[in-house]
Amino acid sequence: MQSDPKKLVEKHASLTHTDLMKVMSHVQRNQGDWVLHTLMVEGCNVPFKFKRKSKYQTLKGARVNMTYYPAQETVAGIDLDIMKVVRIKRG
């Protein structure tokens, strides 16, 4: 099923869609039955995170289109800003 980013953003006000973001770093870690993907993109110092059932080929150096929303994560008692990815596609 294809999801249209324009419809997602219209339906959910907190979502942001950005095209052709260059991935500087892509890390994949096992977390139970899921694989946690963490991306760092050019021009942004906040990590983009999403979970999938399997590993992907590395996105490092690739351009991606992402739909995401801001969130916070607590690590060792410190609140960190992150971006939760809802939709990601190679650009």
PDB file of N, CA and C in Angstrom:
ATOM      1  N   MET A   1       0.839  -1.180   0.000  1.00  0.00           N
ATOM      2  CA  MET A   1       0.000   0.000   0.000  1.00  0.00           C
ATOM      3  C   MET A   1       0.881   1.240   0.000  1.00  0.00           C
ATOM      4  N   GLN A   2       0.711   2.103  -0.963  1.00  0.00           N
ATOM      5  CA  GLN A   2       1.463   3.344  -1.047  1.00  0.00           C
ATOM      6  C   GLN A   2       0.792   4.412  -0.190  1.00  0.00           C
ATOM      7  N   SER A   3       1.593   5.147   0.572  1.00  0.00           N
ATOM      8  CA  SER A   3       1.050   6.239   1.373  1.00  0.00           C
ATOM      9  C   SER A   3       1.485   7.569   0.748  1.00  0.00           C
ATOM     10  N   ASP A   4       0.555   8.489   0.643  1.00  0.00           N
ATOM     11  CA  ASP A   4       0.833   9.785   0.062  1.00  0.00           C
ATOM     12  C   ASP A   4       1.245  10.737   1.178  1.00  0.00           C
ATOM     13  N   PRO A   5       2.473  11.288   1.122  1.00  0.00           N
ATOM     14  CA  PRO A   5       2.923  12.156   2.213  1.00  0.00           C
ATOM     15  C   PRO A   5       2.062  13.407   2.383  1.00  0.00           C
ATOM     16  N   LYS A   6       1.517  13.936   1.295  1.00  0.00           N
ATOM     17  CA  LYS A   6       0.668  15.136   1.401  1.00  0.00           C
ATOM     18  C   LYS A   6      -0.586  14.846   2.218  1.00  0.00           C
ATOM     19  N   LYS A   7      -1.187  13.678   1.991  1.00  0.00           N
ATOM     20  CA  LYS A   7      -2.391  13.309   2.745  1.00  0.00           C
ATOM     21  C   LYS A   7      -2.061  13.096   4.217  1.00  0.00           C
ATOM     22  N   LEU A   8      -0.913  12.468   4.502  1.00  0.00           N
ATOM     23  CA  LEU A   8      -0.505  12.251   5.883  1.00  0.00           C
ATOM     24  C   LEU A   8      -0.310  13.573   6.623  1.00  0.00           C
ATOM     25  N   VAL A   9       0.383  14.525   5.990  1.00  0.00           N
ATOM     26  CA  VAL A   9       0.656  15.819   6.615  1.00  0.00           C
ATOM     27  C   VAL A   9      -0.634  16.610   6.827  1.00  0.00           C
ATOM     28  N   GLU A  10      -1.559  16.535   5.862  1.00  0.00           N
ATOM     29  CA  GLU A  10      -2.843  17.228   6.009  1.00  0.00           C
ATOM     30  C   GLU A  10      -3.668  16.641   7.154  1.00  0.00           C
ATOM     31  N   LYS A  11      -3.608  15.322   7.308  1.00  0.00           N
ATOM     32  CA  LYS A  11      -4.407  14.652   8.324  1.00  0.00           C
ATOM     33  C   LYS A  11      -3.829  14.841   9.731  1.00  0.00           C
ATOM     34  N   HIS A  12      -2.495  14.882   9.843  1.00  0.00           N
ATOM     35  CA  HIS A  12      -1.819  15.003  11.138  1.00  0.00           C
ATOM     36  C   HIS A  12      -0.942  16.250  11.132  1.00  0.00           C
ATOM     37  N   ALA A  13      -1.332  17.263  11.873  1.00  0.00           N
ATOM     38  CA  ALA A  13      -0.659  18.563  11.856  1.00  0.00           C
ATOM     39  C   ALA A  13       0.781  18.511  12.362  1.00  0.00           C
ATOM     40  N   SER A  14       1.115  17.572  13.238  1.00  0.00           N
ATOM     41  CA  SER A  14       2.466  17.532  13.807  1.00  0.00           C
ATOM     42  C   SER A  14       3.502  16.905  12.861  1.00  0.00           C
ATOM     43  N   LEU A  15       3.058  16.283  11.769  1.00  0.00           N
ATOM     44  CA  LEU A  15       3.978  15.643  10.830  1.00  0.00           C
ATOM     45  C   LEU A  15       4.664  16.667   9.933  1.00  0.00           C
ATOM     46  N   THR A  16       5.891  16.349   9.572  1.00  0.00           N
ATOM     47  CA  THR A  16       6.669  17.157   8.631  1.00  0.00           C
ATOM     48  C   THR A  16       7.173  16.224   7.542  1.00  0.00           C
ATOM     49  N   HIS A  17       7.116  16.677   6.293  1.00  0.00           N
ATOM     50  CA  HIS A  17       7.654  15.884   5.187  1.00  0.00           C
ATOM     51  C   HIS A  17       8.790  16.670   4.542  1.00  0.00           C
ATOM     52  N   THR A  18       9.930  16.001   4.348  1.00  0.00           N
ATOM     53  CA  THR A  18      11.080  16.629   3.724  1.00  0.00           C
ATOM     54  C   THR A  18      11.614  15.710   2.636  1.00  0.00           C
ATOM     55  N   ASP A  19      11.921  16.298   1.483  1.00  0.00           N
ATOM     56  CA  ASP A  19      12.437  15.541   0.343  1.00  0.00           C
ATOM     57  C   ASP A  19      13.949  15.681   0.226  1.00  0.00           C
ATOM     58  N   LEU A  20      14.575  14.642  -0.283  1.00  0.00           N
ATOM     59  CA  LEU A  20      15.982  14.618  -0.666  1.00  0.00           C
ATOM     60  C   LEU A  20      16.945  15.040   0.443  1.00  0.00           C
ATOM     61  N   MET A  21      16.755  14.490   1.636  1.00  0.00           N
ATOM     62  CA  MET A  21      17.681  14.719   2.742  1.00  0.00           C
ATOM     63  C   MET A  21      18.842  13.738   2.589  1.00  0.00           C
ATOM     64  N   LYS A  22      20.076  14.215   2.718  1.00  0.00           N
ATOM     65  CA  LYS A  22      21.243  13.345   2.562  1.00  0.00           C
ATOM     66  C   LYS A  22      21.585  12.686   3.895  1.00  0.00           C
ATOM     67  N   VAL A  23      21.656  11.361   3.903  1.00  0.00           N
ATOM     68  CA  VAL A  23      21.954  10.587   5.104  1.00  0.00           C
ATOM     69  C   VAL A  23      23.468  10.565   5.319  1.00  0.00           C
ATOM     70  N   MET A  24      23.900  11.041   6.492  1.00  0.00           N
ATOM     71  CA  MET A  24      25.323  11.054   6.839  1.00  0.00           C
ATOM     72  C   MET A  24      25.724   9.784   7.598  1.00  0.00           C
ATOM     73  N   SER A  25      24.781   9.224   8.384  1.00  0.00           N
ATOM     74  CA  SER A  25      25.068   8.040   9.185  1.00  0.00           C
ATOM     75  C   SER A  25      23.803   7.198   9.305  1.00  0.00           C
ATOM     76  N   HIS A  26      23.954   5.875   9.215  1.00  0.00           N
ATOM     77  CA  HIS A  26      22.833   4.952   9.365  1.00  0.00           C
ATOM     78  C   HIS A  26      23.292   3.777  10.221  1.00  0.00           C
ATOM     79  N   VAL A  27      22.700   3.647  11.418  1.00  0.00           N
ATOM     80  CA  VAL A  27      23.056   2.577  12.345  1.00  0.00           C
ATOM     81  C   VAL A  27      21.831   1.696  12.554  1.00  0.00           C
ATOM     82  N   GLN A  28      22.042   0.365  12.551  1.00  0.00           N
ATOM     83  CA  GLN A  28      20.962  -0.593  12.751  1.00  0.00           C
ATOM     84  C   GLN A  28      21.302  -1.476  13.950  1.00  0.00           C
ATOM     85  N   ARG A  29      20.397  -1.504  14.947  1.00  0.00           N
ATOM     86  CA  ARG A  29      20.615  -2.297  16.154  1.00  0.00           C
ATOM     87  C   ARG A  29      19.414  -3.183  16.418  1.00  0.00           C
ATOM     88  N   ASN A  30      19.670  -4.410  16.855  1.00  0.00           N
ATOM     89  CA  ASN A  30      18.582  -5.308  17.241  1.00  0.00           C
ATOM     90  C   ASN A  30      18.012  -4.862  18.580  1.00  0.00           C
ATOM     91  N   GLN A  31      16.684  -4.865  18.669  1.00  0.00           N
ATOM     92  CA  GLN A  31      15.986  -4.494  19.893  1.00  0.00           C
ATOM     93  C   GLN A  31      14.801  -5.448  20.033  1.00  0.00           C
ATOM     94  N   GLY A  32      15.063  -6.607  20.656  1.00  0.00           N
ATOM     95  CA  GLY A  32      14.030  -7.636  20.741  1.00  0.00           C
ATOM     96  C   GLY A  32      13.779  -8.226  19.363  1.00  0.00           C
ATOM     97  N   ASP A  33      12.505  -8.268  18.955  1.00  0.00           N
ATOM     98  CA  ASP A  33      12.143  -8.785  17.632  1.00  0.00           C
ATOM     99  C   ASP A  33      12.292  -7.733  16.538  1.00  0.00           C
ATOM    100  N   TRP A  34      12.607  -6.508  16.902  1.00  0.00           N
ATOM    101  CA  TRP A  34      12.671  -5.388  15.966  1.00  0.00           C
ATOM    102  C   TRP A  34      14.114  -4.975  15.709  1.00  0.00           C
ATOM    103  N   VAL A  35      14.315  -4.241  14.618  1.00  0.00           N
ATOM    104  CA  VAL A  35      15.603  -3.619  14.321  1.00  0.00           C
ATOM    105  C   VAL A  35      15.384  -2.114  14.409  1.00  0.00           C
ATOM    106  N   LEU A  36      16.143  -1.450  15.306  1.00  0.00           N
ATOM    107  CA  LEU A  36      16.046  -0.006  15.479  1.00  0.00           C
ATOM    108  C   LEU A  36      17.029   0.663  14.533  1.00  0.00           C
ATOM    109  N   HIS A  37      16.516   1.530  13.656  1.00  0.00           N
ATOM    110  CA  HIS A  37      17.332   2.257  12.691  1.00  0.00           C
ATOM    111  C   HIS A  37      17.478   3.691  13.188  1.00  0.00           C
ATOM    112  N   THR A  38      18.699   4.205  13.186  1.00  0.00           N
ATOM    113  CA  THR A  38      18.964   5.582  13.580  1.00  0.00           C
ATOM    114  C   THR A  38      19.716   6.252  12.439  1.00  0.00           C
ATOM    115  N   LEU A  39      19.165   7.375  11.965  1.00  0.00           N
ATOM    116  CA  LEU A  39      19.776   8.125  10.875  1.00  0.00           C
ATOM    117  C   LEU A  39      20.200   9.499  11.363  1.00  0.00           C
ATOM    118  N   MET A  40      21.332   9.979  10.870  1.00  0.00           N
ATOM    119  CA  MET A  40      21.730  11.366  11.035  1.00  0.00           C
ATOM    120  C   MET A  40      21.771  11.945   9.624  1.00  0.00           C
ATOM    121  N   VAL A  41      21.137  13.114   9.440  1.00  0.00           N
ATOM    122  CA  VAL A  41      21.079  13.703   8.112  1.00  0.00           C
ATOM    123  C   VAL A  41      21.842  15.022   8.081  1.00  0.00           C
ATOM    124  N   GLU A  42      22.261  15.394   6.898  1.00  0.00           N
ATOM    125  CA  GLU A  42      23.045  16.603   6.688  1.00  0.00           C
ATOM    126  C   GLU A  42      22.246  17.843   7.106  1.00  0.00           C
ATOM    127  N   GLY A  43      22.868  18.714   7.887  1.00  0.00           N
ATOM    128  CA  GLY A  43      22.243  19.962   8.278  1.00  0.00           C
ATOM    129  C   GLY A  43      21.320  19.862   9.481  1.00  0.00           C
ATOM    130  N   CYS A  44      21.291  18.719  10.153  1.00  0.00           N
ATOM    131  CA  CYS A  44      20.409  18.525  11.310  1.00  0.00           C
ATOM    132  C   CYS A  44      21.181  17.742  12.377  1.00  0.00           C
ATOM    133  N   ASN A  45      21.143  18.225  13.627  1.00  0.00           N
ATOM    134  CA  ASN A  45      21.891  17.541  14.681  1.00  0.00           C
ATOM    135  C   ASN A  45      21.004  16.680  15.577  1.00  0.00           C
ATOM    136  N   VAL A  46      19.813  16.341  15.099  1.00  0.00           N
ATOM    137  CA  VAL A  46      18.871  15.499  15.838  1.00  0.00           C
ATOM    138  C   VAL A  46      18.755  14.151  15.118  1.00  0.00           C
ATOM    139  N   PRO A  47      18.833  13.024  15.852  1.00  0.00           N
ATOM    140  CA  PRO A  47      18.713  11.722  15.199  1.00  0.00           C
ATOM    141  C   PRO A  47      17.279  11.413  14.758  1.00  0.00           C
ATOM    142  N   PHE A  48      17.149  10.726  13.644  1.00  0.00           N
ATOM    143  CA  PHE A  48      15.860  10.265  13.131  1.00  0.00           C
ATOM    144  C   PHE A  48      15.804   8.771  13.404  1.00  0.00           C
ATOM    145  N   LYS A  49      14.741   8.298  14.093  1.00  0.00           N
ATOM    146  CA  LYS A  49      14.667   6.890  14.488  1.00  0.00           C
ATOM    147  C   LYS A  49      13.391   6.241  13.968  1.00  0.00           C
ATOM    148  N   PHE A  50      13.516   4.957  13.611  1.00  0.00           N
ATOM    149  CA  PHE A  50      12.350   4.163  13.242  1.00  0.00           C
ATOM    150  C   PHE A  50      12.676   2.694  13.454  1.00  0.00           C
ATOM    151  N   LYS A  51      11.636   1.881  13.616  1.00  0.00           N
ATOM    152  CA  LYS A  51      11.793   0.437  13.823  1.00  0.00           C
ATOM    153  C   LYS A  51      11.217  -0.305  12.631  1.00  0.00           C
ATOM    154  N   ARG A  52      11.865  -1.395  12.269  1.00  0.00           N
ATOM    155  CA  ARG A  52      11.378  -2.293  11.232  1.00  0.00           C
ATOM    156  C   ARG A  52      11.659  -3.721  11.674  1.00  0.00           C
ATOM    157  N   LYS A  53      11.033  -4.683  11.022  1.00  0.00           N
ATOM    158  CA  LYS A  53      11.199  -6.091  11.368  1.00  0.00           C
ATOM    159  C   LYS A  53      12.526  -6.665  10.872  1.00  0.00           C
ATOM    160  N   SER A  54      13.121  -6.044   9.851  1.00  0.00           N
ATOM    161  CA  SER A  54      14.361  -6.589   9.303  1.00  0.00           C
ATOM    162  C   SER A  54      15.356  -5.471   9.022  1.00  0.00           C
ATOM    163  N   LYS A  55      16.613  -5.877   8.764  1.00  0.00           N
ATOM    164  CA  LYS A  55      17.646  -4.914   8.427  1.00  0.00           C
ATOM    165  C   LYS A  55      17.450  -4.429   6.996  1.00  0.00           C
ATOM    166  N   TYR A  56      17.893  -3.200   6.743  1.00  0.00           N
ATOM    167  CA  TYR A  56      17.886  -2.621   5.403  1.00  0.00           C
ATOM    168  C   TYR A  56      19.315  -2.586   4.895  1.00  0.00           C
ATOM    169  N   GLN A  57      19.464  -2.387   3.595  1.00  0.00           N
ATOM    170  CA  GLN A  57      20.804  -2.088   3.114  1.00  0.00           C
ATOM    171  C   GLN A  57      21.111  -0.678   3.608  1.00  0.00           C
ATOM    172  N   THR A  58      22.369  -0.365   3.806  1.00  0.00           N
ATOM    173  CA  THR A  58      22.730   0.906   4.407  1.00  0.00           C
ATOM    174  C   THR A  58      22.242   2.093   3.567  1.00  0.00           C
ATOM    175  N   LEU A  59      21.783   3.127   4.252  1.00  0.00           N
ATOM    176  CA  LEU A  59      21.308   4.336   3.586  1.00  0.00           C
ATOM    177  C   LEU A  59      22.367   5.436   3.605  1.00  0.00           C
ATOM    178  N   LYS A  60      23.547   5.148   4.140  1.00  0.00           N
ATOM    179  CA  LYS A  60      24.601   6.153   4.252  1.00  0.00           C
ATOM    180  C   LYS A  60      24.953   6.712   2.875  1.00  0.00           C
ATOM    181  N   GLY A  61      24.913   8.030   2.752  1.00  0.00           N
ATOM    182  CA  GLY A  61      25.223   8.704   1.496  1.00  0.00           C
ATOM    183  C   GLY A  61      24.041   8.839   0.556  1.00  0.00           C
ATOM    184  N   ALA A  62      22.934   8.174   0.875  1.00  0.00           N
ATOM    185  CA  ALA A  62      21.751   8.209  -0.002  1.00  0.00           C
ATOM    186  C   ALA A  62      20.889   9.442   0.293  1.00  0.00           C
ATOM    187  N   ARG A  63      20.080   9.804  -0.655  1.00  0.00           N
ATOM    188  CA  ARG A  63      19.083  10.859  -0.466  1.00  0.00           C
ATOM    189  C   ARG A  63      17.752  10.168  -0.178  1.00  0.00           C
ATOM    190  N   VAL A  64      17.055  10.640   0.856  1.00  0.00           N
ATOM    191  CA  VAL A  64      15.798  10.016   1.244  1.00  0.00           C
ATOM    192  C   VAL A  64      14.699  11.062   1.409  1.00  0.00           C
ATOM    193  N   ASN A  65      13.469  10.627   1.208  1.00  0.00           N
ATOM    194  CA  ASN A  65      12.280  11.429   1.485  1.00  0.00           C
ATOM    195  C   ASN A  65      11.688  10.871   2.767  1.00  0.00           C
ATOM    196  N   MET A  66      11.478  11.728   3.778  1.00  0.00           N
ATOM    197  CA  MET A  66      10.984  11.258   5.072  1.00  0.00           C
ATOM    198  C   MET A  66       9.793  12.071   5.549  1.00  0.00           C
ATOM    199  N   THR A  67       8.882  11.386   6.215  1.00  0.00           N
ATOM    200  CA  THR A  67       7.786  12.018   6.940  1.00  0.00           C
ATOM    201  C   THR A  67       8.015  11.662   8.403  1.00  0.00           C
ATOM    202  N   TYR A  68       8.043  12.679   9.276  1.00  0.00           N
ATOM    203  CA  TYR A  68       8.438  12.453  10.661  1.00  0.00           C
ATOM    204  C   TYR A  68       7.769  13.467  11.579  1.00  0.00           C
ATOM    205  N   TYR A  69       7.899  13.223  12.899  1.00  0.00           N
ATOM    206  CA  TYR A  69       7.401  14.171  13.892  1.00  0.00           C
ATOM    207  C   TYR A  69       8.394  14.232  15.049  1.00  0.00           C
ATOM    208  N   PRO A  70       8.454  15.377  15.747  1.00  0.00           N
ATOM    209  CA  PRO A  70       9.384  15.512  16.867  1.00  0.00           C
ATOM    210  C   PRO A  70       8.908  14.730  18.089  1.00  0.00           C
ATOM    211  N   ALA A  71       9.855  14.216  18.862  1.00  0.00           N
ATOM    212  CA  ALA A  71       9.555  13.478  20.090  1.00  0.00           C
ATOM    213  C   ALA A  71      10.728  13.654  21.051  1.00  0.00           C
ATOM    214  N   GLN A  72      10.563  13.153  22.266  1.00  0.00           N
ATOM    215  CA  GLN A  72      11.650  13.180  23.240  1.00  0.00           C
ATOM    216  C   GLN A  72      11.889  11.780  23.756  1.00  0.00           C
ATOM    217  N   GLU A  73      13.152  11.504  24.063  1.00  0.00           N
ATOM    218  CA  GLU A  73      13.563  10.214  24.580  1.00  0.00           C
ATOM    219  C   GLU A  73      14.427  10.467  25.814  1.00  0.00           C
ATOM    220  N   THR A  74      14.210   9.720  26.871  1.00  0.00           N
ATOM    221  CA  THR A  74      14.992   9.890  28.092  1.00  0.00           C
ATOM    222  C   THR A  74      16.079   8.831  28.161  1.00  0.00           C
ATOM    223  N   VAL A  75      17.328   9.279  28.262  1.00  0.00           N
ATOM    224  CA  VAL A  75      18.480   8.389  28.377  1.00  0.00           C
ATOM    225  C   VAL A  75      19.273   8.837  29.600  1.00  0.00           C
ATOM    226  N   ALA A  76      19.410   7.941  30.572  1.00  0.00           N
ATOM    227  CA  ALA A  76      20.149   8.211  31.809  1.00  0.00           C
ATOM    228  C   ALA A  76      19.637   9.477  32.498  1.00  0.00           C
ATOM    229  N   GLY A  77      18.330   9.673  32.475  1.00  0.00           N
ATOM    230  CA  GLY A  77      17.726  10.809  33.149  1.00  0.00           C
ATOM    231  C   GLY A  77      17.793  12.119  32.385  1.00  0.00           C
ATOM    232  N   ILE A  78      18.323  12.089  31.162  1.00  0.00           N
ATOM    233  CA  ILE A  78      18.435  13.301  30.337  1.00  0.00           C
ATOM    234  C   ILE A  78      17.454  13.194  29.180  1.00  0.00           C
ATOM    235  N   ASP A  79      16.640  14.239  28.988  1.00  0.00           N
ATOM    236  CA  ASP A  79      15.707  14.267  27.861  1.00  0.00           C
ATOM    237  C   ASP A  79      16.434  14.695  26.593  1.00  0.00           C
ATOM    238  N   LEU A  80      16.334  13.875  25.553  1.00  0.00           N
ATOM    239  CA  LEU A  80      16.954  14.169  24.256  1.00  0.00           C
ATOM    240  C   LEU A  80      15.870  14.330  23.205  1.00  0.00           C
ATOM    241  N   ASP A  81      16.062  15.295  22.314  1.00  0.00           N
ATOM    242  CA  ASP A  81      15.139  15.476  21.193  1.00  0.00           C
ATOM    243  C   ASP A  81      15.484  14.468  20.107  1.00  0.00           C
ATOM    244  N   ILE A  82      14.448  13.837  19.547  1.00  0.00           N
ATOM    245  CA  ILE A  82      14.615  12.922  18.411  1.00  0.00           C
ATOM    246  C   ILE A  82      13.485  13.186  17.424  1.00  0.00           C
ATOM    247  N   MET A  83      13.601  12.616  16.262  1.00  0.00           N
ATOM    248  CA  MET A  83      12.543  12.649  15.259  1.00  0.00           C
ATOM    249  C   MET A  83      12.104  11.219  15.004  1.00  0.00           C
ATOM    250  N   LYS A  84      10.826  10.942  15.152  1.00  0.00           N
ATOM    251  CA  LYS A  84      10.270   9.616  14.883  1.00  0.00           C
ATOM    252  C   LYS A  84       9.820   9.590  13.422  1.00  0.00           C
ATOM    253  N   VAL A  85      10.368   8.658  12.664  1.00  0.00           N
ATOM    254  CA  VAL A  85      10.059   8.553  11.238  1.00  0.00           C
ATOM    255  C   VAL A  85       8.813   7.690  11.048  1.00  0.00           C
ATOM    256  N   VAL A  86       7.867   8.214  10.272  1.00  0.00           N
ATOM    257  CA  VAL A  86       6.626   7.507   9.963  1.00  0.00           C
ATOM    258  C   VAL A  86       6.745   6.844   8.590  1.00  0.00           C
ATOM    259  N   ARG A  87       7.404   7.534   7.670  1.00  0.00           N
ATOM    260  CA  ARG A  87       7.521   7.051   6.291  1.00  0.00           C
ATOM    261  C   ARG A  87       8.886   7.448   5.763  1.00  0.00           C
ATOM    262  N   ILE A  88       9.580   6.500   5.113  1.00  0.00           N
ATOM    263  CA  ILE A  88      10.883   6.791   4.525  1.00  0.00           C
ATOM    264  C   ILE A  88      10.995   6.078   3.183  1.00  0.00           C
ATOM    265  N   LYS A  89      11.488   6.804   2.197  1.00  0.00           N
ATOM    266  CA  LYS A  89      11.699   6.254   0.845  1.00  0.00           C
ATOM    267  C   LYS A  89      12.995   6.824   0.296  1.00  0.00           C
ATOM    268  N   ARG A  90      13.693   6.031  -0.499  1.00  0.00           N
ATOM    269  CA  ARG A  90      14.876   6.572  -1.188  1.00  0.00           C
ATOM    270  C   ARG A  90      14.426   7.620  -2.193  1.00  0.00           C
ATOM    271  N   GLY A  91      15.208   8.701  -2.287  1.00  0.00           N
ATOM    272  CA  GLY A  91      14.830   9.821  -3.157  1.00  0.00           C
ATOM    273  C   GLY A  91      15.317   9.695  -4.529  1.00  0.00           C
TER     274      GLY A  91
END
